Amino acid sequence: MPGVRDISADDFITAYASHLKRSGKLEVPTWVDLVKTGSYKELAPYDPDWFYIRAAAVARHIYLRKDVGIGALTKLHGGRNRRGNRPSHHAPASASVQRKVCQALEKIGVLEQTENGGRRISQDGQRDLDRIATAVVEAAREEEDEEEDEEEEEEEEE
């Protein structure tokens, strides 16, 4: 049975983000259309569904590791701070955004807090993520089968 590790991060994150949006359980804060995701950014994200994508990325990251704190997530989602004519440096992402994402995932039962203050994936969350990963692999197999069928039909016509 394929798991989260077996598929590409991009495919899984887009599939899980669409699942979170369709389910409607994830509580999205009212400020998502106003806030920047880091102090080094100039503008807020263009994608209106960025909160779902960030939640999916955080869930995947915590699934792949045992327990993760907010500081590690800010480092992961940080980026280049362009400082004018001085050299660029890495800057962390907004800790508040990471914390709110984790709290929203905790409310729907995907994450749980550990004794040392970090977050880890819950059993329900692990089952959910594995189910999404399996669905992504099956959808990819179906697309490959359809492409092979179309190629065979084209060869028969010639």
C-alpha atoms as a PDB file:
ATOM      1  CA  MET A   1       0.000   0.000   0.000  1.00  0.00           C
ATOM      2  CA  PRO A   2       1.558   3.316  -1.030  1.00  0.00           C
ATOM      3  CA  GLY A   3       2.115   5.933   1.631  1.00  0.00           C
ATOM      4  CA  VAL A   4       2.894   9.629   1.809  1.00  0.00           C
ATOM      5  CA  ARG A   5       6.624   8.950   1.310  1.00  0.00           C
ATOM      6  CA  ASP A   6       6.014   7.140  -1.981  1.00  0.00           C
ATOM      7  CA  ILE A   7       4.533  10.037  -3.955  1.00  0.00           C
ATOM      8  CA  SER A   8       5.835  13.455  -4.909  1.00  0.00           C
ATOM      9  CA  ALA A   9       5.302  16.259  -2.415  1.00  0.00           C
ATOM     10  CA  ASP A  10       3.573  18.488  -4.965  1.00  0.00           C
ATOM     11  CA  ASP A  11       0.990  15.874  -5.959  1.00  0.00           C
ATOM     12  CA  PHE A  12       0.200  15.007  -2.359  1.00  0.00           C
ATOM     13  CA  ILE A  13      -0.024  18.598  -1.130  1.00  0.00           C
ATOM     14  CA  THR A  14      -2.397  19.664  -3.922  1.00  0.00           C
ATOM     15  CA  ALA A  15      -4.595  16.592  -3.358  1.00  0.00           C
ATOM     16  CA  TYR A  16      -4.711  17.012   0.425  1.00  0.00           C
ATOM     17  CA  ALA A  17      -5.352  20.766   0.155  1.00  0.00           C
ATOM     18  CA  SER A  18      -8.310  20.147  -2.149  1.00  0.00           C
ATOM     19  CA  HIS A  19      -9.564  17.475   0.277  1.00  0.00           C
ATOM     20  CA  LEU A  20      -9.344  19.936   3.186  1.00  0.00           C
ATOM     21  CA  LYS A  21     -11.192  22.583   1.187  1.00  0.00           C
ATOM     22  CA  ARG A  22     -13.920  20.165   0.032  1.00  0.00           C
ATOM     23  CA  SER A  23     -14.497  18.770   3.519  1.00  0.00           C
ATOM     24  CA  GLY A  24     -15.047  22.271   4.931  1.00  0.00           C
ATOM     25  CA  LYS A  25     -13.912  21.190   8.409  1.00  0.00           C
ATOM     26  CA  LEU A  26     -10.713  23.254   8.485  1.00  0.00           C
ATOM     27  CA  GLU A  27     -11.400  26.527  10.238  1.00  0.00           C
ATOM     28  CA  VAL A  28      -9.827  29.326   8.167  1.00  0.00           C
ATOM     29  CA  PRO A  29      -9.134  32.583  10.043  1.00  0.00           C
ATOM     30  CA  THR A  30     -10.766  35.774   8.790  1.00  0.00           C
ATOM     31  CA  TRP A  31      -7.418  37.500   8.222  1.00  0.00           C
ATOM     32  CA  VAL A  32      -6.074  35.113   5.556  1.00  0.00           C
ATOM     33  CA  ASP A  33      -6.696  37.582   2.716  1.00  0.00           C
ATOM     34  CA  LEU A  34      -4.775  40.380   4.488  1.00  0.00           C
ATOM     35  CA  VAL A  35      -1.715  38.799   6.081  1.00  0.00           C
ATOM     36  CA  LYS A  36       1.784  38.271   4.688  1.00  0.00           C
ATOM     37  CA  THR A  37       3.324  34.867   5.329  1.00  0.00           C
ATOM     38  CA  GLY A  38       6.614  36.366   6.517  1.00  0.00           C
ATOM     39  CA  SER A  39       8.200  39.683   7.394  1.00  0.00           C
ATOM     40  CA  TYR A  40      10.525  39.348   4.403  1.00  0.00           C
ATOM     41  CA  LYS A  41       7.587  39.294   1.972  1.00  0.00           C
ATOM     42  CA  GLU A  42       6.241  42.398   0.288  1.00  0.00           C
ATOM     43  CA  LEU A  43       2.734  41.138  -0.502  1.00  0.00           C
ATOM     44  CA  ALA A  44       0.184  38.637   0.732  1.00  0.00           C
ATOM     45  CA  PRO A  45      -0.156  35.389  -1.286  1.00  0.00           C
ATOM     46  CA  TYR A  46      -2.027  35.683  -4.580  1.00  0.00           C
ATOM     47  CA  ASP A  47      -3.687  32.271  -4.228  1.00  0.00           C
ATOM     48  CA  PRO A  48      -6.907  32.594  -2.188  1.00  0.00           C
ATOM     49  CA  ASP A  49      -6.533  28.946  -1.057  1.00  0.00           C
ATOM     50  CA  TRP A  50      -3.015  29.399   0.351  1.00  0.00           C
ATOM     51  CA  PHE A  51      -4.110  28.501   3.896  1.00  0.00           C
ATOM     52  CA  TYR A  52      -5.275  25.039   2.753  1.00  0.00           C
ATOM     53  CA  ILE A  53      -2.018  24.505   0.858  1.00  0.00           C
ATOM     54  CA  ARG A  54       0.052  25.556   3.874  1.00  0.00           C
ATOM     55  CA  ALA A  55      -2.005  23.257   6.119  1.00  0.00           C
ATOM     56  CA  ALA A  56      -1.412  20.339   3.743  1.00  0.00           C
ATOM     57  CA  ALA A  57       2.322  21.086   3.606  1.00  0.00           C
ATOM     58  CA  VAL A  58       2.536  21.286   7.406  1.00  0.00           C
ATOM     59  CA  ALA A  59       0.591  18.033   7.831  1.00  0.00           C
ATOM     60  CA  ARG A  60       2.904  16.262   5.367  1.00  0.00           C
ATOM     61  CA  HIS A  61       6.034  17.643   7.048  1.00  0.00           C
ATOM     62  CA  ILE A  62       4.888  16.525  10.497  1.00  0.00           C
ATOM     63  CA  TYR A  63       3.838  13.120   9.094  1.00  0.00           C
ATOM     64  CA  LEU A  64       7.372  12.535   7.815  1.00  0.00           C
ATOM     65  CA  ARG A  65       8.975  13.476  11.156  1.00  0.00           C
ATOM     66  CA  LYS A  66       8.209  12.433  14.716  1.00  0.00           C
ATOM     67  CA  ASP A  67       7.399  15.752  16.347  1.00  0.00           C
ATOM     68  CA  VAL A  68       7.936  19.254  15.071  1.00  0.00           C
ATOM     69  CA  GLY A  69       7.746  22.637  16.764  1.00  0.00           C
ATOM     70  CA  ILE A  70       6.603  25.975  15.407  1.00  0.00           C
ATOM     71  CA  GLY A  71      10.205  27.208  15.107  1.00  0.00           C
ATOM     72  CA  ALA A  72      11.107  24.366  12.765  1.00  0.00           C
ATOM     73  CA  LEU A  73       8.072  25.146  10.601  1.00  0.00           C
ATOM     74  CA  THR A  74       9.004  28.835  10.410  1.00  0.00           C
ATOM     75  CA  LYS A  75      12.471  27.836   9.260  1.00  0.00           C
ATOM     76  CA  LEU A  76      11.050  25.404   6.699  1.00  0.00           C
ATOM     77  CA  HIS A  77       8.617  27.900   5.135  1.00  0.00           C
ATOM     78  CA  GLY A  78      11.000  30.854   5.358  1.00  0.00           C
ATOM     79  CA  GLY A  79      12.737  32.341   2.366  1.00  0.00           C
ATOM     80  CA  ARG A  80      15.182  34.858   1.041  1.00  0.00           C
ATOM     81  CA  ASN A  81      15.170  38.262   2.695  1.00  0.00           C
ATOM     82  CA  ARG A  82      16.309  40.696   0.027  1.00  0.00           C
ATOM     83  CA  ARG A  83      18.081  43.530   1.787  1.00  0.00           C
ATOM     84  CA  GLY A  84      18.734  46.023  -1.006  1.00  0.00           C
ATOM     85  CA  ASN A  85      22.387  46.272  -2.019  1.00  0.00           C
ATOM     86  CA  ARG A  86      23.464  44.178   0.970  1.00  0.00           C
ATOM     87  CA  PRO A  87      23.665  40.372   0.636  1.00  0.00           C
ATOM     88  CA  SER A  88      20.447  38.386   0.989  1.00  0.00           C
ATOM     89  CA  HIS A  89      19.916  36.135   3.996  1.00  0.00           C
ATOM     90  CA  HIS A  90      17.401  33.479   4.961  1.00  0.00           C
ATOM     91  CA  ALA A  91      14.512  34.785   7.048  1.00  0.00           C
ATOM     92  CA  PRO A  92      11.934  32.710   8.946  1.00  0.00           C
ATOM     93  CA  ALA A  93       8.260  32.711   8.020  1.00  0.00           C
ATOM     94  CA  SER A  94       5.576  34.120  10.305  1.00  0.00           C
ATOM     95  CA  ALA A  95       5.298  32.025  13.477  1.00  0.00           C
ATOM     96  CA  SER A  96       1.730  33.205  14.003  1.00  0.00           C
ATOM     97  CA  VAL A  97       0.620  31.759  10.662  1.00  0.00           C
ATOM     98  CA  GLN A  98       2.341  28.432  11.432  1.00  0.00           C
ATOM     99  CA  ARG A  99       0.754  28.324  14.887  1.00  0.00           C
ATOM    100  CA  LYS A 100      -2.742  29.027  13.530  1.00  0.00           C
ATOM    101  CA  VAL A 101      -2.315  26.326  10.879  1.00  0.00           C
ATOM    102  CA  CYS A 102      -1.290  23.812  13.551  1.00  0.00           C
ATOM    103  CA  GLN A 103      -4.182  24.831  15.786  1.00  0.00           C
ATOM    104  CA  ALA A 104      -6.646  24.430  12.909  1.00  0.00           C
ATOM    105  CA  LEU A 105      -5.247  20.960  12.119  1.00  0.00           C
ATOM    106  CA  GLU A 106      -5.484  20.052  15.821  1.00  0.00           C
ATOM    107  CA  LYS A 107      -9.153  21.044  15.896  1.00  0.00           C
ATOM    108  CA  ILE A 108     -10.008  18.610  13.091  1.00  0.00           C
ATOM    109  CA  GLY A 109      -7.945  15.856  14.745  1.00  0.00           C
ATOM    110  CA  VAL A 110      -5.034  15.566  12.301  1.00  0.00           C
ATOM    111  CA  LEU A 111      -2.362  16.748  14.756  1.00  0.00           C
ATOM    112  CA  GLU A 112      -1.871  16.446  18.502  1.00  0.00           C
ATOM    113  CA  GLN A 113       0.512  18.126  20.940  1.00  0.00           C
ATOM    114  CA  THR A 114       3.419  16.244  22.484  1.00  0.00           C
ATOM    115  CA  GLU A 115       4.716  16.535  26.030  1.00  0.00           C
ATOM    116  CA  ASN A 116       7.671  18.687  24.967  1.00  0.00           C
ATOM    117  CA  GLY A 117       5.474  21.263  23.243  1.00  0.00           C
ATOM    118  CA  GLY A 118       5.831  20.070  19.664  1.00  0.00           C
ATOM    119  CA  ARG A 119       3.176  18.646  17.373  1.00  0.00           C
ATOM    120  CA  ARG A 120       2.864  15.113  16.004  1.00  0.00           C
ATOM    121  CA  ILE A 121       0.443  13.391  13.679  1.00  0.00           C
ATOM    122  CA  SER A 122      -2.501  11.624  15.330  1.00  0.00           C
ATOM    123  CA  GLN A 123      -3.669   8.131  14.376  1.00  0.00           C
ATOM    124  CA  ASP A 124      -6.742   9.528  12.620  1.00  0.00           C
ATOM    125  CA  GLY A 125      -4.555  12.026  10.801  1.00  0.00           C
ATOM    126  CA  GLN A 126      -2.129   9.320   9.703  1.00  0.00           C
ATOM    127  CA  ARG A 127      -4.989   7.201   8.387  1.00  0.00           C
ATOM    128  CA  ASP A 128      -6.407  10.223   6.549  1.00  0.00           C
ATOM    129  CA  LEU A 129      -3.079  11.129   4.922  1.00  0.00           C
ATOM    130  CA  ASP A 130      -2.411   7.517   3.888  1.00  0.00           C
ATOM    131  CA  ARG A 131      -5.868   7.328   2.309  1.00  0.00           C
ATOM    132  CA  ILE A 132      -5.237  10.503   0.296  1.00  0.00           C
ATOM    133  CA  ALA A 133      -1.819   9.187  -0.810  1.00  0.00           C
ATOM    134  CA  THR A 134      -3.380   5.923  -1.989  1.00  0.00           C
ATOM    135  CA  ALA A 135      -6.037   7.858  -3.926  1.00  0.00           C
ATOM    136  CA  VAL A 136      -3.337   9.961  -5.638  1.00  0.00           C
ATOM    137  CA  VAL A 137      -1.399   6.841  -6.692  1.00  0.00           C
ATOM    138  CA  GLU A 138      -4.562   5.190  -8.025  1.00  0.00           C
ATOM    139  CA  ALA A 139      -5.502   8.325  -9.990  1.00  0.00           C
ATOM    140  CA  ALA A 140      -2.010   8.427 -11.523  1.00  0.00           C
ATOM    141  CA  ARG A 141      -2.297   4.757 -12.523  1.00  0.00           C
ATOM    142  CA  GLU A 142      -5.675   5.378 -14.163  1.00  0.00           C
ATOM    143  CA  GLU A 143      -4.226   8.294 -16.154  1.00  0.00           C
ATOM    144  CA  GLU A 144      -1.327   6.118 -17.321  1.00  0.00           C
ATOM    145  CA  ASP A 145      -3.739   3.360 -18.385  1.00  0.00           C
ATOM    146  CA  GLU A 146      -5.864   5.849 -20.338  1.00  0.00           C
ATOM    147  CA  GLU A 147      -2.783   7.245 -22.088  1.00  0.00           C
ATOM    148  CA  GLU A 148      -1.639   3.742 -23.046  1.00  0.00           C
ATOM    149  CA  ASP A 149      -5.114   2.929 -24.411  1.00  0.00           C
ATOM    150  CA  GLU A 150      -5.101   6.117 -26.519  1.00  0.00           C
ATOM    151  CA  GLU A 151      -1.632   5.314 -27.895  1.00  0.00           C
ATOM    152  CA  GLU A 152      -2.748   1.789 -28.827  1.00  0.00           C
ATOM    153  CA  GLU A 153      -5.826   3.164 -30.615  1.00  0.00           C
ATOM    154  CA  GLU A 154      -3.671   5.608 -32.591  1.00  0.00           C
ATOM    155  CA  GLU A 155      -1.323   2.810 -33.634  1.00  0.00           C
ATOM    156  CA  GLU A 156      -4.259   0.656 -34.775  1.00  0.00           C
ATOM    157  CA  GLU A 157      -5.653   3.467 -36.932  1.00  0.00           C
ATOM    158  CA  GLU A 158      -2.373   3.838 -38.810  1.00  0.00           C
END
